[in-house]
């Protein structure tokens, strides 16, 4: 089954949100200790390459996990969320807006 636009947005949002948290954790618990231990002192170009490689691999693994997660049946859960998000019609949504008095 093909994903809807809302389901794709849910997958993308989950990927980005976890990416922010995971990248912070990788920086704090992987990269910073490597710098403090002296493993990343080969020069700025080499250090940048190693750090970028760490984040690239982490990002690839995270994206792969989310893609497999949503394609392995979790798209049904995303589809239910999408239905809930888009359940209200435009007219109902507009009527819920606060009005000036």
N, C-alpha and C. Protein backbone atom coordinates (compact mmCIF):
# COMPACT_ATOMS: atom_id res chain seq x y z
N UNK A 1 0.83 -1.18 0.00
CA UNK A 1 0.00 0.00 0.00
C UNK A 1 0.88 1.24 0.00
N UNK A 2 0.52 2.18 -0.79
CA UNK A 2 1.28 3.42 -0.90
C UNK A 2 0.90 4.36 0.24
N UNK A 3 1.89 5.09 0.76
CA UNK A 3 1.64 6.05 1.83
C UNK A 3 0.90 7.27 1.29
N UNK A 4 0.03 7.81 2.15
CA UNK A 4 -0.61 9.07 1.82
C UNK A 4 0.37 10.20 2.16
N UNK A 5 0.03 11.40 1.77
CA UNK A 5 0.89 12.55 2.07
C UNK A 5 1.01 12.78 3.58
N UNK A 6 -0.11 12.60 4.28
CA UNK A 6 -0.08 12.80 5.73
C UNK A 6 0.76 11.72 6.41
N UNK A 7 0.65 10.48 5.94
CA UNK A 7 1.47 9.41 6.49
C UNK A 7 2.95 9.68 6.24
N UNK A 8 3.28 10.16 5.07
CA UNK A 8 4.67 10.51 4.77
C UNK A 8 5.15 11.64 5.68
N UNK A 9 4.26 12.59 5.95
CA UNK A 9 4.60 13.70 6.84
C UNK A 9 4.84 13.19 8.26
N UNK A 10 4.04 12.23 8.71
CA UNK A 10 4.23 11.65 10.04
C UNK A 10 5.57 10.93 10.11
N UNK A 11 5.89 10.15 9.09
CA UNK A 11 7.18 9.44 9.05
C UNK A 11 8.34 10.43 9.05
N UNK A 12 8.23 11.45 8.24
CA UNK A 12 9.29 12.45 8.14
C UNK A 12 9.47 13.19 9.46
N UNK A 13 8.36 13.54 10.11
CA UNK A 13 8.42 14.24 11.39
C UNK A 13 9.06 13.36 12.45
N UNK A 14 8.70 12.09 12.48
CA UNK A 14 9.31 11.16 13.44
C UNK A 14 10.81 11.05 13.19
N UNK A 15 11.19 10.99 11.92
CA UNK A 15 12.61 10.88 11.56
C UNK A 15 13.38 12.12 12.00
N UNK A 16 12.82 13.29 11.74
CA UNK A 16 13.51 14.53 12.10
C UNK A 16 13.58 14.72 13.61
N UNK A 17 12.48 14.44 14.31
CA UNK A 17 12.46 14.62 15.76
C UNK A 17 13.46 13.70 16.45
N UNK A 18 13.47 12.43 16.04
CA UNK A 18 14.44 11.51 16.64
C UNK A 18 15.86 11.84 16.19
N UNK A 19 16.00 12.38 14.99
CA UNK A 19 17.31 12.78 14.51
C UNK A 19 17.93 13.86 15.38
N UNK A 20 17.12 14.80 15.81
CA UNK A 20 17.61 15.87 16.68
C UNK A 20 18.12 15.29 18.00
N UNK A 21 17.33 14.42 18.60
CA UNK A 21 17.71 13.82 19.88
C UNK A 21 18.93 12.91 19.72
N UNK A 22 18.91 12.07 18.70
CA UNK A 22 20.02 11.13 18.49
C UNK A 22 21.31 11.87 18.18
N UNK A 23 21.24 12.93 17.37
CA UNK A 23 22.47 13.66 17.04
C UNK A 23 23.05 14.32 18.28
N UNK A 24 22.20 14.81 19.16
CA UNK A 24 22.69 15.41 20.41
C UNK A 24 23.37 14.34 21.26
N UNK A 25 22.74 13.15 21.35
CA UNK A 25 23.32 12.05 22.13
C UNK A 25 24.65 11.59 21.53
N UNK A 26 24.71 11.50 20.21
CA UNK A 26 25.95 11.10 19.54
C UNK A 26 27.05 12.12 19.83
N UNK A 27 26.71 13.39 19.78
CA UNK A 27 27.69 14.43 20.07
C UNK A 27 28.19 14.31 21.51
N UNK A 28 27.25 14.15 22.45
CA UNK A 28 27.62 14.13 23.87
C UNK A 28 28.34 12.85 24.29
N UNK A 29 27.90 11.70 23.75
CA UNK A 29 28.38 10.42 24.26
C UNK A 29 29.35 9.68 23.33
N UNK A 30 29.54 10.19 22.12
CA UNK A 30 30.47 9.54 21.19
C UNK A 30 31.57 10.52 20.76
N UNK A 31 31.16 11.63 20.15
CA UNK A 31 32.15 12.55 19.59
C UNK A 31 32.95 13.27 20.67
N UNK A 32 32.26 13.82 21.66
CA UNK A 32 32.97 14.55 22.72
C UNK A 32 33.98 13.66 23.45
N UNK A 33 33.62 12.44 23.86
CA UNK A 33 34.64 11.58 24.48
C UNK A 33 35.82 11.26 23.55
N UNK A 34 35.55 11.10 22.25
CA UNK A 34 36.65 10.86 21.31
C UNK A 34 37.59 12.06 21.24
N UNK A 35 37.03 13.25 21.27
CA UNK A 35 37.85 14.47 21.27
C UNK A 35 38.65 14.56 22.56
N UNK A 36 37.99 14.33 23.69
CA UNK A 36 38.66 14.43 24.99
C UNK A 36 39.74 13.37 25.18
N UNK A 37 39.52 12.20 24.58
CA UNK A 37 40.51 11.12 24.70
C UNK A 37 41.69 11.33 23.75
N UNK A 38 41.58 12.30 22.85
CA UNK A 38 42.69 12.59 21.95
C UNK A 38 42.67 11.82 20.64
N UNK A 39 41.59 11.08 20.39
CA UNK A 39 41.51 10.31 19.15
C UNK A 39 41.26 11.19 17.93
N UNK A 40 40.70 12.35 18.12
CA UNK A 40 40.39 13.23 16.99
C UNK A 40 41.32 14.45 17.02
N UNK A 41 42.58 14.23 16.83
CA UNK A 41 43.53 15.33 16.78
C UNK A 41 44.49 15.18 15.61
N UNK A 42 44.00 14.59 14.52
CA UNK A 42 44.84 14.38 13.35
C UNK A 42 44.91 15.63 12.48
N UNK A 43 44.11 16.60 12.77
CA UNK A 43 44.05 17.83 11.98
C UNK A 43 42.60 18.15 11.66
N UNK A 44 42.32 19.42 11.36
CA UNK A 44 40.94 19.83 11.18
C UNK A 44 40.21 19.09 10.05
N UNK A 45 40.89 18.83 8.95
CA UNK A 45 40.23 18.16 7.82
C UNK A 45 39.91 16.71 8.18
N UNK A 46 40.87 16.05 8.80
CA UNK A 46 40.64 14.65 9.20
C UNK A 46 39.55 14.56 10.26
N UNK A 47 39.61 15.44 11.25
CA UNK A 47 38.60 15.43 12.31
C UNK A 47 37.21 15.68 11.75
N UNK A 48 37.11 16.65 10.86
CA UNK A 48 35.81 16.95 10.25
C UNK A 48 35.28 15.75 9.47
N UNK A 49 36.18 15.06 8.76
CA UNK A 49 35.78 13.88 8.01
C UNK A 49 35.27 12.79 8.94
N UNK A 50 35.97 12.52 10.04
CA UNK A 50 35.56 11.48 10.97
C UNK A 50 34.23 11.81 11.64
N UNK A 51 34.10 13.05 12.08
CA UNK A 51 32.86 13.47 12.74
C UNK A 51 31.69 13.41 11.76
N UNK A 52 31.89 13.88 10.55
CA UNK A 52 30.84 13.83 9.53
C UNK A 52 30.48 12.39 9.22
N UNK A 53 31.46 11.51 9.17
CA UNK A 53 31.19 10.09 8.92
C UNK A 53 30.34 9.47 10.03
N UNK A 54 30.64 9.81 11.27
CA UNK A 54 29.86 9.30 12.40
C UNK A 54 28.40 9.74 12.27
N UNK A 55 28.19 11.03 11.99
CA UNK A 55 26.81 11.52 11.88
C UNK A 55 26.11 10.98 10.64
N UNK A 56 26.83 10.76 9.56
CA UNK A 56 26.22 10.21 8.34
C UNK A 56 25.75 8.79 8.57
N UNK A 57 26.57 7.97 9.18
CA UNK A 57 26.18 6.59 9.47
C UNK A 57 24.99 6.56 10.44
N UNK A 58 25.05 7.39 11.45
CA UNK A 58 23.94 7.47 12.40
C UNK A 58 22.65 7.88 11.71
N UNK A 59 22.72 8.87 10.85
CA UNK A 59 21.54 9.34 10.12
C UNK A 59 20.99 8.27 9.20
N UNK A 60 21.88 7.57 8.51
CA UNK A 60 21.44 6.50 7.60
C UNK A 60 20.73 5.40 8.37
N UNK A 61 21.30 4.98 9.51
CA UNK A 61 20.68 3.94 10.32
C UNK A 61 19.31 4.36 10.85
N UNK A 62 19.24 5.60 11.32
CA UNK A 62 17.97 6.12 11.84
C UNK A 62 16.92 6.17 10.74
N UNK A 63 17.26 6.67 9.57
CA UNK A 63 16.32 6.75 8.45
C UNK A 63 15.89 5.36 8.00
N UNK A 64 16.83 4.43 7.95
CA UNK A 64 16.52 3.06 7.56
C UNK A 64 15.55 2.43 8.55
N UNK A 65 15.81 2.64 9.83
CA UNK A 65 14.92 2.10 10.86
C UNK A 65 13.51 2.64 10.69
N UNK A 66 13.34 3.95 10.56
CA UNK A 66 12.00 4.53 10.43
C UNK A 66 11.31 4.05 9.16
N UNK A 67 12.04 3.95 8.05
CA UNK A 67 11.43 3.49 6.81
C UNK A 67 10.93 2.06 6.96
N UNK A 68 11.76 1.19 7.55
CA UNK A 68 11.35 -0.20 7.76
C UNK A 68 10.19 -0.29 8.75
N UNK A 69 10.23 0.54 9.77
CA UNK A 69 9.18 0.57 10.79
C UNK A 69 7.83 0.92 10.18
N UNK A 70 7.81 1.96 9.36
CA UNK A 70 6.55 2.38 8.74
C UNK A 70 6.11 1.44 7.64
N UNK A 71 7.04 0.84 6.94
CA UNK A 71 6.68 -0.08 5.87
C UNK A 71 6.30 -1.47 6.38
N UNK A 72 6.64 -1.79 7.61
CA UNK A 72 6.37 -3.11 8.16
C UNK A 72 5.02 -3.17 8.88
N UNK A 73 4.06 -2.43 8.40
CA UNK A 73 2.74 -2.49 9.01
C UNK A 73 2.42 -1.31 9.89
N UNK A 74 3.44 -0.57 10.28
CA UNK A 74 3.15 0.60 11.11
C UNK A 74 2.52 1.70 10.29
N UNK A 75 2.52 1.55 8.98
CA UNK A 75 1.82 2.54 8.17
C UNK A 75 0.32 2.51 8.49
N UNK A 76 -0.16 1.38 9.03
CA UNK A 76 -1.55 1.30 9.44
C UNK A 76 -1.83 2.25 10.61
N UNK A 77 -0.89 2.27 11.56
CA UNK A 77 -1.02 3.20 12.68
C UNK A 77 -0.93 4.63 12.19
N UNK A 78 0.02 4.89 11.29
CA UNK A 78 0.15 6.23 10.72
C UNK A 78 -1.11 6.60 9.95
N UNK A 79 -1.70 5.62 9.28
CA UNK A 79 -2.94 5.87 8.53
C UNK A 79 -4.07 6.25 9.49
N UNK A 80 -4.14 5.59 10.64
CA UNK A 80 -5.15 5.93 11.63
C UNK A 80 -4.92 7.34 12.18
N UNK A 81 -3.66 7.68 12.44
CA UNK A 81 -3.35 9.04 12.90
C UNK A 81 -3.74 10.06 11.84
N UNK A 82 -3.44 9.73 10.59
CA UNK A 82 -3.77 10.65 9.49
C UNK A 82 -5.28 10.85 9.41
N UNK A 83 -6.04 9.79 9.59
CA UNK A 83 -7.50 9.93 9.56
C UNK A 83 -7.98 10.83 10.68
N UNK A 84 -7.40 10.68 11.86
CA UNK A 84 -7.79 11.53 12.99
C UNK A 84 -7.43 12.98 12.74
N UNK A 85 -6.25 13.20 12.16
CA UNK A 85 -5.81 14.57 11.90
C UNK A 85 -6.65 15.26 10.84
N UNK A 86 -7.10 14.51 9.87
CA UNK A 86 -7.85 15.11 8.76
C UNK A 86 -9.34 14.87 8.87
N UNK A 87 -9.81 14.42 10.04
CA UNK A 87 -11.22 14.08 10.21
C UNK A 87 -12.12 15.30 10.14
N UNK A 88 -11.68 16.40 10.71
CA UNK A 88 -12.52 17.59 10.70
C UNK A 88 -12.54 18.20 9.31
N UNK A 89 -13.67 18.69 8.93
CA UNK A 89 -13.77 19.36 7.63
C UNK A 89 -13.31 20.78 7.77
N UNK A 90 -13.10 21.44 6.66
CA UNK A 90 -12.66 22.83 6.69
C UNK A 90 -13.68 23.72 7.40
N UNK A 91 -14.95 23.45 7.16
CA UNK A 91 -16.00 24.27 7.77
C UNK A 91 -15.96 24.13 9.29
N UNK A 92 -15.83 22.92 9.79
CA UNK A 92 -15.75 22.71 11.22
C UNK A 92 -14.50 23.37 11.79
N UNK A 93 -13.41 23.25 11.07
CA UNK A 93 -12.15 23.83 11.52
C UNK A 93 -12.26 25.35 11.60
N UNK A 94 -12.86 25.96 10.62
CA UNK A 94 -13.01 27.42 10.60
C UNK A 94 -13.93 27.86 11.73
N UNK A 95 -14.99 27.10 12.02
CA UNK A 95 -15.92 27.45 13.08
C UNK A 95 -15.29 27.35 14.47
N UNK A 96 -14.21 26.61 14.59
CA UNK A 96 -13.53 26.48 15.88
C UNK A 96 -12.61 27.66 16.18
N UNK A 97 -12.35 28.50 15.21
CA UNK A 97 -11.47 29.63 15.41
C UNK A 97 -12.13 30.64 16.34
N UNK A 98 -11.34 31.27 17.20
CA UNK A 98 -11.92 32.31 18.07
C UNK A 98 -12.31 33.52 17.24
N UNK A 99 -13.37 34.15 17.63
CA UNK A 99 -13.86 35.34 16.92
C UNK A 99 -13.65 36.56 17.77
N UNK A 100 -13.57 37.69 17.13
CA UNK A 100 -13.46 38.97 17.86
C UNK A 100 -14.85 39.41 18.28
N UNK A 101 -14.90 39.93 19.48
CA UNK A 101 -16.19 40.42 19.97
C UNK A 101 -16.11 41.88 20.29
